[in-house]
Amino acid sequence: PRGGFLMLLAGLAALVLNFWVQVAYFYLIKEKDGNLDVKGLLIFSWNNMASYAWVLFLMAIIAIGGFLLFIVPGIIFSIWFSLAAYMFVFENKKGMEALRRSRELVKGYWWAVFGRMFLFGIITAIIGAIPVFGNIANIFFTMPLGIMYGYFIYQDLKQIKATV
């Protein structure tokens, strides 16, 4: 029983650390001109984790609700709201406003975003299937690459929508 509790605690700590690093990656991209050092970046990220988590929680609840209705609405909602984290970090949108803005950007380009996300998801799954190495590669390589990939999708859609 004691070992199970320690494993649960270690797993929770790893989850929080992984989440914290993920938030830090977003802000690292935003602060690419180097205004923050590593310590400052981690402190800033820690202070924004709750709001970031709230956006992701709303996104997850809506997507799960869509998957419960049938699979197709869940996929549609997931793609509509896939850029909500970028809205939070780069446009300072919080809560439902981040989700609305994400849907607004994806509107008219749903299939293009779906195709890109699907392709990246397949690559991630293939890498993750490699025993031992796959999980490590996904944490240290694929996650940061995925955040940058999503950023480029976000930037492209933002630029396209600005010219239309």
N, C-alpha and C. Protein backbone atom coordinates (compact mmCIF):
# COMPACT_ATOMS: atom_id res chain seq x y z
N PRO A 1 0.82 -1.21 0.00
CA PRO A 1 0.00 0.00 0.00
C PRO A 1 0.86 1.27 0.00
N ARG A 2 1.92 1.27 0.79
CA ARG A 2 2.77 2.44 0.88
C ARG A 2 3.50 2.72 -0.44
N GLY A 3 3.97 1.64 -1.08
CA GLY A 3 4.65 1.78 -2.37
C GLY A 3 3.72 2.32 -3.43
N GLY A 4 2.46 1.90 -3.40
CA GLY A 4 1.47 2.40 -4.35
C GLY A 4 1.22 3.88 -4.19
N PHE A 5 1.17 4.33 -2.93
CA PHE A 5 0.97 5.75 -2.66
C PHE A 5 2.16 6.56 -3.16
N LEU A 6 3.37 6.05 -2.93
CA LEU A 6 4.57 6.75 -3.40
C LEU A 6 4.62 6.79 -4.92
N MET A 7 4.20 5.71 -5.56
CA MET A 7 4.15 5.70 -7.03
C MET A 7 3.12 6.71 -7.54
N LEU A 8 1.98 6.79 -6.89
CA LEU A 8 0.95 7.76 -7.26
C LEU A 8 1.47 9.19 -7.09
N LEU A 9 2.15 9.42 -5.97
CA LEU A 9 2.72 10.74 -5.70
C LEU A 9 3.79 11.10 -6.73
N ALA A 10 4.65 10.14 -7.07
CA ALA A 10 5.69 10.37 -8.08
C ALA A 10 5.07 10.63 -9.45
N GLY A 11 4.03 9.89 -9.78
CA GLY A 11 3.34 10.09 -11.05
C GLY A 11 2.69 11.47 -11.12
N LEU A 12 2.09 11.89 -10.03
CA LEU A 12 1.48 13.22 -9.98
C LEU A 12 2.53 14.31 -10.11
N ALA A 13 3.65 14.14 -9.43
CA ALA A 13 4.75 15.11 -9.53
C ALA A 13 5.28 15.17 -10.96
N ALA A 14 5.42 14.02 -11.61
CA ALA A 14 5.90 13.98 -12.99
C ALA A 14 4.90 14.67 -13.92
N LEU A 15 3.61 14.48 -13.66
CA LEU A 15 2.58 15.11 -14.47
C LEU A 15 2.63 16.63 -14.34
N VAL A 16 2.75 17.12 -13.11
CA VAL A 16 2.84 18.57 -12.88
C VAL A 16 4.10 19.14 -13.54
N LEU A 17 5.22 18.44 -13.39
CA LEU A 17 6.47 18.89 -13.99
C LEU A 17 6.36 18.93 -15.51
N ASN A 18 5.78 17.89 -16.09
CA ASN A 18 5.60 17.83 -17.54
C ASN A 18 4.72 18.99 -18.01
N PHE A 19 3.64 19.23 -17.29
CA PHE A 19 2.72 20.32 -17.62
C PHE A 19 3.43 21.67 -17.51
N TRP A 20 4.22 21.85 -16.46
CA TRP A 20 4.96 23.09 -16.23
C TRP A 20 5.94 23.34 -17.38
N VAL A 21 6.64 22.31 -17.79
CA VAL A 21 7.59 22.44 -18.89
C VAL A 21 6.85 22.76 -20.19
N GLN A 22 5.69 22.16 -20.38
CA GLN A 22 4.90 22.45 -21.57
C GLN A 22 4.51 23.92 -21.62
N VAL A 23 4.04 24.45 -20.51
CA VAL A 23 3.69 25.88 -20.45
C VAL A 23 4.93 26.72 -20.72
N ALA A 24 6.07 26.33 -20.16
CA ALA A 24 7.32 27.06 -20.36
C ALA A 24 7.71 27.08 -21.84
N TYR A 25 7.49 25.97 -22.56
CA TYR A 25 7.79 25.94 -23.99
C TYR A 25 6.97 26.99 -24.74
N PHE A 26 5.71 27.11 -24.40
CA PHE A 26 4.87 28.12 -25.05
C PHE A 26 5.44 29.51 -24.81
N TYR A 27 5.77 29.81 -23.58
CA TYR A 27 6.29 31.14 -23.27
C TYR A 27 7.70 31.35 -23.81
N LEU A 28 8.45 30.29 -23.98
CA LEU A 28 9.77 30.39 -24.61
C LEU A 28 9.63 30.84 -26.05
N ILE A 29 8.64 30.29 -26.75
CA ILE A 29 8.38 30.71 -28.13
C ILE A 29 7.92 32.17 -28.15
N LYS A 30 7.05 32.52 -27.22
CA LYS A 30 6.55 33.90 -27.18
C LYS A 30 7.67 34.88 -26.87
N GLU A 31 8.57 34.52 -25.99
CA GLU A 31 9.67 35.40 -25.59
C GLU A 31 10.95 35.07 -26.34
N LYS A 32 10.81 34.76 -27.63
CA LYS A 32 11.95 34.30 -28.41
C LYS A 32 13.07 35.33 -28.54
N ASP A 33 12.77 36.58 -28.21
CA ASP A 33 13.82 37.59 -28.27
C ASP A 33 14.72 37.55 -27.04
N GLY A 34 14.42 36.67 -26.09
CA GLY A 34 15.32 36.42 -24.97
C GLY A 34 15.20 37.36 -23.79
N ASN A 35 14.03 37.91 -23.54
CA ASN A 35 13.85 38.81 -22.40
C ASN A 35 13.89 38.09 -21.06
N LEU A 36 13.61 36.78 -21.05
CA LEU A 36 13.58 36.02 -19.81
C LEU A 36 14.70 34.99 -19.79
N ASP A 37 15.36 34.86 -18.63
CA ASP A 37 16.30 33.75 -18.47
C ASP A 37 15.50 32.51 -18.07
N VAL A 38 16.16 31.38 -17.92
CA VAL A 38 15.46 30.13 -17.62
C VAL A 38 14.67 30.24 -16.32
N LYS A 39 15.28 30.79 -15.28
CA LYS A 39 14.60 30.93 -14.00
C LYS A 39 13.37 31.82 -14.13
N GLY A 40 13.52 32.94 -14.80
CA GLY A 40 12.40 33.85 -15.01
C GLY A 40 11.29 33.22 -15.82
N LEU A 41 11.68 32.44 -16.84
CA LEU A 41 10.71 31.74 -17.68
C LEU A 41 9.92 30.73 -16.86
N LEU A 42 10.61 29.97 -16.02
CA LEU A 42 9.92 28.97 -15.19
C LEU A 42 9.01 29.62 -14.16
N ILE A 43 9.44 30.71 -13.56
CA ILE A 43 8.59 31.42 -12.59
C ILE A 43 7.36 31.98 -13.29
N PHE A 44 7.56 32.62 -14.43
CA PHE A 44 6.45 33.19 -15.18
C PHE A 44 5.47 32.09 -15.60
N SER A 45 6.02 30.96 -16.06
CA SER A 45 5.17 29.84 -16.48
C SER A 45 4.39 29.28 -15.31
N TRP A 46 5.05 29.13 -14.17
CA TRP A 46 4.37 28.60 -12.97
C TRP A 46 3.19 29.49 -12.59
N ASN A 47 3.40 30.81 -12.67
CA ASN A 47 2.35 31.76 -12.30
C ASN A 47 1.16 31.75 -13.26
N ASN A 48 1.36 31.23 -14.47
CA ASN A 48 0.29 31.19 -15.46
C ASN A 48 -0.30 29.80 -15.66
N MET A 49 0.17 28.83 -14.90
CA MET A 49 -0.30 27.45 -15.10
C MET A 49 -1.79 27.27 -14.83
N ALA A 50 -2.32 27.91 -13.81
CA ALA A 50 -3.73 27.71 -13.47
C ALA A 50 -4.64 28.20 -14.59
N SER A 51 -4.37 29.37 -15.13
CA SER A 51 -5.20 29.90 -16.22
C SER A 51 -5.05 29.06 -17.48
N TYR A 52 -3.82 28.62 -17.75
CA TYR A 52 -3.55 27.75 -18.90
C TYR A 52 -4.31 26.43 -18.72
N ALA A 53 -4.24 25.87 -17.53
CA ALA A 53 -4.93 24.61 -17.23
C ALA A 53 -6.44 24.76 -17.41
N TRP A 54 -6.98 25.91 -17.03
CA TRP A 54 -8.42 26.14 -17.17
C TRP A 54 -8.83 26.11 -18.65
N VAL A 55 -8.05 26.74 -19.52
CA VAL A 55 -8.34 26.72 -20.96
C VAL A 55 -8.31 25.28 -21.47
N LEU A 56 -7.28 24.52 -21.08
CA LEU A 56 -7.18 23.13 -21.53
C LEU A 56 -8.31 22.27 -20.95
N PHE A 57 -8.71 22.55 -19.71
CA PHE A 57 -9.81 21.81 -19.09
C PHE A 57 -11.11 22.05 -19.86
N LEU A 58 -11.40 23.31 -20.19
CA LEU A 58 -12.61 23.63 -20.96
C LEU A 58 -12.58 22.93 -22.32
N MET A 59 -11.41 22.98 -22.96
CA MET A 59 -11.25 22.35 -24.26
C MET A 59 -11.50 20.84 -24.15
N ALA A 60 -10.95 20.22 -23.12
CA ALA A 60 -11.10 18.78 -22.93
C ALA A 60 -12.55 18.40 -22.65
N ILE A 61 -13.23 19.16 -21.80
CA ILE A 61 -14.63 18.87 -21.46
C ILE A 61 -15.51 18.94 -22.70
N ILE A 62 -15.31 19.96 -23.52
CA ILE A 62 -16.12 20.11 -24.73
C ILE A 62 -15.81 18.97 -25.71
N ALA A 63 -14.53 18.66 -25.89
CA ALA A 63 -14.16 17.58 -26.82
C ALA A 63 -14.69 16.24 -26.32
N ILE A 64 -14.56 15.97 -25.03
CA ILE A 64 -15.08 14.71 -24.47
C ILE A 64 -16.59 14.64 -24.65
N GLY A 65 -17.27 15.78 -24.41
CA GLY A 65 -18.72 15.82 -24.65
C GLY A 65 -19.05 15.48 -26.10
N GLY A 66 -18.26 16.00 -27.03
CA GLY A 66 -18.45 15.68 -28.44
C GLY A 66 -18.22 14.22 -28.74
N PHE A 67 -17.19 13.63 -28.12
CA PHE A 67 -16.92 12.21 -28.33
C PHE A 67 -18.03 11.35 -27.73
N LEU A 68 -18.65 11.81 -26.65
CA LEU A 68 -19.75 11.06 -26.05
C LEU A 68 -20.99 11.11 -26.93
N LEU A 69 -21.18 12.22 -27.65
CA LEU A 69 -22.32 12.31 -28.58
C LEU A 69 -22.14 11.30 -29.71
N PHE A 70 -21.01 11.26 -30.26
CA PHE A 70 -20.53 10.33 -31.28
C PHE A 70 -19.11 10.77 -31.55
N ILE A 71 -18.38 10.00 -32.26
CA ILE A 71 -16.96 10.30 -32.46
C ILE A 71 -16.76 11.55 -33.31
N VAL A 72 -17.55 11.73 -34.35
CA VAL A 72 -17.34 12.85 -35.28
C VAL A 72 -17.42 14.21 -34.60
N PRO A 73 -18.45 14.51 -33.77
CA PRO A 73 -18.45 15.81 -33.10
C PRO A 73 -17.21 16.03 -32.23
N GLY A 74 -16.73 14.98 -31.60
CA GLY A 74 -15.52 15.10 -30.78
C GLY A 74 -14.32 15.49 -31.61
N ILE A 75 -14.20 14.90 -32.79
CA ILE A 75 -13.08 15.25 -33.68
C ILE A 75 -13.24 16.70 -34.15
N ILE A 76 -14.44 17.08 -34.52
CA ILE A 76 -14.69 18.46 -34.98
C ILE A 76 -14.33 19.45 -33.88
N PHE A 77 -14.82 19.21 -32.66
CA PHE A 77 -14.54 20.12 -31.56
C PHE A 77 -13.05 20.17 -31.24
N SER A 78 -12.40 19.02 -31.30
CA SER A 78 -10.97 18.96 -31.00
C SER A 78 -10.16 19.83 -31.96
N ILE A 79 -10.52 19.80 -33.23
CA ILE A 79 -9.80 20.61 -34.21
C ILE A 79 -10.17 22.09 -34.06
N TRP A 80 -11.44 22.38 -33.86
CA TRP A 80 -11.84 23.78 -33.66
C TRP A 80 -11.06 24.42 -32.53
N PHE A 81 -10.91 23.69 -31.43
CA PHE A 81 -10.32 24.27 -30.23
C PHE A 81 -8.84 23.92 -30.04
N SER A 82 -8.24 23.33 -31.06
CA SER A 82 -6.85 22.88 -30.94
C SER A 82 -5.85 24.01 -30.75
N LEU A 83 -6.23 25.22 -31.09
CA LEU A 83 -5.31 26.35 -30.97
C LEU A 83 -5.62 27.23 -29.74
N ALA A 84 -6.47 26.75 -28.86
CA ALA A 84 -6.87 27.54 -27.69
C ALA A 84 -5.68 27.91 -26.80
N ALA A 85 -4.74 26.99 -26.64
CA ALA A 85 -3.55 27.29 -25.81
C ALA A 85 -2.75 28.42 -26.42
N TYR A 86 -2.70 28.49 -27.75
CA TYR A 86 -1.97 29.57 -28.43
C TYR A 86 -2.71 30.90 -28.24
N MET A 87 -4.04 30.85 -28.22
CA MET A 87 -4.83 32.06 -27.96
C MET A 87 -4.54 32.59 -26.55
N PHE A 88 -4.42 31.65 -25.61
CA PHE A 88 -4.13 32.04 -24.23
C PHE A 88 -2.76 32.71 -24.14
N VAL A 89 -1.75 32.07 -24.70
CA VAL A 89 -0.38 32.56 -24.55
C VAL A 89 -0.11 33.78 -25.42
N PHE A 90 -0.48 33.74 -26.69
CA PHE A 90 -0.07 34.78 -27.63
C PHE A 90 -1.07 35.92 -27.78
N GLU A 91 -2.34 35.69 -27.40
CA GLU A 91 -3.34 36.74 -27.53
C GLU A 91 -3.99 37.09 -26.20
N ASN A 92 -3.50 36.48 -25.13
CA ASN A 92 -4.01 36.75 -23.77
C ASN A 92 -5.51 36.52 -23.64
N LYS A 93 -6.04 35.56 -24.37
CA LYS A 93 -7.45 35.19 -24.25
C LYS A 93 -7.57 34.13 -23.17
N LYS A 94 -8.57 34.26 -22.33
CA LYS A 94 -8.75 33.31 -21.23
C LYS A 94 -10.08 32.60 -21.35
N GLY A 95 -10.14 31.40 -20.79
CA GLY A 95 -11.38 30.64 -20.72
C GLY A 95 -12.04 30.43 -22.07
N MET A 96 -13.34 30.63 -22.09
CA MET A 96 -14.12 30.40 -23.31
C MET A 96 -13.72 31.33 -24.45
N GLU A 97 -13.20 32.49 -24.13
CA GLU A 97 -12.76 33.42 -25.17
C GLU A 97 -11.61 32.82 -25.99
N ALA A 98 -10.72 32.09 -25.34
CA ALA A 98 -9.63 31.41 -26.06
C ALA A 98 -10.20 30.36 -27.00
N LEU A 99 -11.22 29.64 -26.55
CA LEU A 99 -11.83 28.62 -27.40
C LEU A 99 -12.57 29.25 -28.58
N ARG A 100 -13.30 30.34 -28.32
CA ARG A 100 -14.01 31.02 -29.41
C ARG A 100 -13.03 31.53 -30.46
N ARG A 101 -11.93 32.11 -30.01
CA ARG A 101 -10.93 32.65 -30.94
C ARG A 101 -10.27 31.53 -31.75
N SER A 102 -10.02 30.40 -31.11
CA SER A 102 -9.44 29.25 -31.81
C SER A 102 -10.39 28.80 -32.92
N ARG A 103 -11.65 28.67 -32.59
CA ARG A 103 -12.64 28.24 -33.59
C ARG A 103 -12.72 29.24 -34.74
N GLU A 104 -12.65 30.52 -34.40
CA GLU A 104 -12.68 31.57 -35.41
C GLU A 104 -11.50 31.44 -36.38
N LEU A 105 -10.32 31.16 -35.86
CA LEU A 105 -9.14 31.01 -36.72
C LEU A 105 -9.23 29.77 -37.59
N VAL A 106 -9.72 28.68 -37.04
CA VAL A 106 -9.78 27.41 -37.78
C VAL A 106 -10.90 27.42 -38.82
N LYS A 107 -11.94 28.22 -38.59
CA LYS A 107 -13.10 28.26 -39.48
C LYS A 107 -12.65 28.51 -40.93
N GLY A 108 -13.10 27.63 -41.81
CA GLY A 108 -12.75 27.71 -43.22
C GLY A 108 -11.48 26.93 -43.57
N TYR A 109 -10.76 26.49 -42.57
CA TYR A 109 -9.51 25.76 -42.79
C TYR A 109 -9.48 24.48 -41.94
N TRP A 110 -10.67 23.99 -41.59
CA TRP A 110 -10.77 22.84 -40.71
C TRP A 110 -10.02 21.64 -41.27
N TRP A 111 -10.24 21.31 -42.55
CA TRP A 111 -9.60 20.13 -43.12
C TRP A 111 -8.09 20.27 -43.18
N ALA A 112 -7.60 21.46 -43.47
CA ALA A 112 -6.15 21.68 -43.51
C ALA A 112 -5.54 21.49 -42.12
N VAL A 113 -6.20 22.03 -41.10
CA VAL A 113 -5.70 21.87 -39.73
C VAL A 113 -5.81 20.40 -39.31
N PHE A 114 -6.94 19.77 -39.61
CA PHE A 114 -7.11 18.36 -39.29
C PHE A 114 -6.00 17.52 -39.90
N GLY A 115 -5.72 17.72 -41.18
CA GLY A 115 -4.69 16.95 -41.87
C GLY A 115 -3.32 17.10 -41.23
N ARG A 116 -2.99 18.32 -40.87
CA ARG A 116 -1.68 18.56 -40.24
C ARG A 116 -1.61 17.94 -38.85
N MET A 117 -2.68 18.09 -38.07
CA MET A 117 -2.70 17.51 -36.73
C MET A 117 -2.70 15.97 -36.79
N PHE A 118 -3.44 15.42 -37.74
CA PHE A 118 -3.51 13.98 -37.90
C PHE A 118 -2.15 13.41 -38.27
N LEU A 119 -1.47 14.05 -39.21
CA LEU A 119 -0.14 13.60 -39.63
C LEU A 119 0.83 13.65 -38.46
N PHE A 120 0.82 14.73 -37.71
CA PHE A 120 1.72 14.84 -36.56
C PHE A 120 1.36 13.80 -35.50
N GLY A 121 0.07 13.54 -35.31
CA GLY A 121 -0.37 12.53 -34.35
C GLY A 121 0.11 11.14 -34.72
N ILE A 122 0.08 10.82 -36.01
CA ILE A 122 0.57 9.51 -36.46
C ILE A 122 2.07 9.39 -36.21
N ILE A 123 2.81 10.43 -36.52
CA ILE A 123 4.27 10.41 -36.29
C ILE A 123 4.56 10.23 -34.80
N THR A 124 3.82 10.96 -33.95
CA THR A 124 4.00 10.84 -32.51
C THR A 124 3.68 9.43 -32.01
N ALA A 125 2.62 8.85 -32.53
CA ALA A 125 2.23 7.49 -32.12
C ALA A 125 3.29 6.47 -32.54
N ILE A 126 3.84 6.63 -33.73
CA ILE A 126 4.89 5.72 -34.20
C ILE A 126 6.12 5.83 -33.31
N ILE A 127 6.52 7.06 -33.01
CA ILE A 127 7.68 7.26 -32.13
C ILE A 127 7.39 6.70 -30.74
N GLY A 128 6.19 6.96 -30.23
CA GLY A 128 5.81 6.48 -28.90
C GLY A 128 5.75 4.97 -28.79
N ALA A 129 5.57 4.29 -29.91
CA ALA A 129 5.47 2.83 -29.90
C ALA A 129 6.83 2.15 -29.74
N ILE A 130 7.90 2.91 -29.91
CA ILE A 130 9.24 2.34 -29.73
C ILE A 130 9.45 2.11 -28.24
N PRO A 131 9.72 0.88 -27.83
CA PRO A 131 9.88 0.60 -26.39
C PRO A 131 10.96 1.48 -25.75
N VAL A 132 10.69 1.97 -24.58
CA VAL A 132 11.54 2.81 -23.73
C VAL A 132 11.93 4.11 -24.42
N PHE A 133 12.61 4.05 -25.53
CA PHE A 133 13.08 5.25 -26.22
C PHE A 133 11.93 6.13 -26.68
N GLY A 134 10.82 5.53 -27.10
CA GLY A 134 9.70 6.28 -27.64
C GLY A 134 9.13 7.30 -26.67
N ASN A 135 8.91 6.89 -25.44
CA ASN A 135 8.37 7.82 -24.44
C ASN A 135 9.34 8.95 -24.15
N ILE A 136 10.60 8.63 -24.04
CA ILE A 136 11.62 9.65 -23.79
C ILE A 136 11.69 10.63 -24.96
N ALA A 137 11.67 10.09 -26.18
CA ALA A 137 11.71 10.94 -27.37
C ALA A 137 10.48 11.85 -27.44
N ASN A 138 9.31 11.32 -27.08
CA ASN A 138 8.10 12.14 -27.11
C ASN A 138 8.16 13.28 -26.10
N ILE A 139 8.72 13.01 -24.93
CA ILE A 139 8.79 14.05 -23.90
C ILE A 139 9.80 15.14 -24.28
N PHE A 140 10.98 14.73 -24.72
CA PHE A 140 12.06 15.70 -24.94
C PHE A 140 12.17 16.22 -26.36
N PHE A 141 11.55 15.54 -27.32
CA PHE A 141 11.68 15.97 -28.71
C PHE A 141 10.32 16.29 -29.33
N THR A 142 9.42 15.33 -29.28
CA THR A 142 8.15 15.48 -29.97
C THR A 142 7.26 16.55 -29.34
N MET A 143 7.22 16.63 -28.01
CA MET A 143 6.37 17.65 -27.37
C MET A 143 6.82 19.07 -27.75
N PRO A 144 8.11 19.42 -27.60
CA PRO A 144 8.50 20.77 -28.01
C PRO A 144 8.30 21.01 -29.51
N LEU A 145 8.58 19.98 -30.31
CA LEU A 145 8.38 20.11 -31.75
C LEU A 145 6.90 20.31 -32.06
N GLY A 146 6.03 19.58 -31.36
CA GLY A 146 4.59 19.72 -31.55
C GLY A 146 4.09 21.11 -31.19
N ILE A 147 4.63 21.68 -30.12
CA ILE A 147 4.23 23.03 -29.74
C ILE A 147 4.68 24.04 -30.80
N MET A 148 5.89 23.86 -31.32
CA MET A 148 6.36 24.75 -32.39
C MET A 148 5.55 24.55 -33.67
N TYR A 149 5.23 23.30 -33.99
CA TYR A 149 4.43 22.99 -35.17
C TYR A 149 3.06 23.66 -35.07
N GLY A 150 2.42 23.53 -33.91
CA GLY A 150 1.14 24.20 -33.69
C GLY A 150 1.26 25.71 -33.78
N TYR A 151 2.39 26.24 -33.31
CA TYR A 151 2.62 27.69 -33.40
C TYR A 151 2.66 28.14 -34.86
N PHE A 152 3.32 27.36 -35.71
CA PHE A 152 3.39 27.72 -37.13
C PHE A 152 2.00 27.64 -37.78
N ILE A 153 1.20 26.66 -37.39
CA ILE A 153 -0.17 26.59 -37.88
C ILE A 153 -0.95 27.83 -37.43
N TYR A 154 -0.81 28.16 -36.15
CA TYR A 154 -1.47 29.35 -35.59
C TYR A 154 -1.05 30.61 -36.36
N GLN A 155 0.26 30.78 -36.56
CA GLN A 155 0.76 31.98 -37.24
C GLN A 155 0.25 32.04 -38.68
N ASP A 156 0.26 30.91 -39.38
CA ASP A 156 -0.22 30.88 -40.76
C ASP A 156 -1.70 31.26 -40.84
N LEU A 157 -2.51 30.68 -39.95
CA LEU A 157 -3.95 31.00 -39.96
C LEU A 157 -4.18 32.47 -39.61
N LYS A 158 -3.44 32.95 -38.68
CA LYS A 158 -3.57 34.36 -38.26
C LYS A 158 -3.23 35.29 -39.44
N GLN A 159 -2.18 34.95 -40.17
CA GLN A 159 -1.78 35.76 -41.31
C GLN A 159 -2.82 35.68 -42.44
N ILE A 160 -3.31 34.47 -42.69
CA ILE A 160 -4.33 34.29 -43.74
C ILE A 160 -5.58 35.09 -43.38
N LYS A 161 -6.02 34.99 -42.13
CA LYS A 161 -7.25 35.68 -41.71
C LYS A 161 -7.07 37.20 -41.73
N ALA A 162 -5.85 37.68 -41.53
CA ALA A 162 -5.59 39.13 -41.53
C ALA A 162 -5.70 39.70 -42.95
N THR A 163 -5.41 38.87 -43.95
CA THR A 163 -5.42 39.36 -45.34
C THR A 163 -6.78 39.18 -46.00
N VAL A 164 -7.66 38.39 -45.38
CA VAL A 164 -8.97 38.14 -46.00
C VAL A 164 -9.94 39.22 -45.63
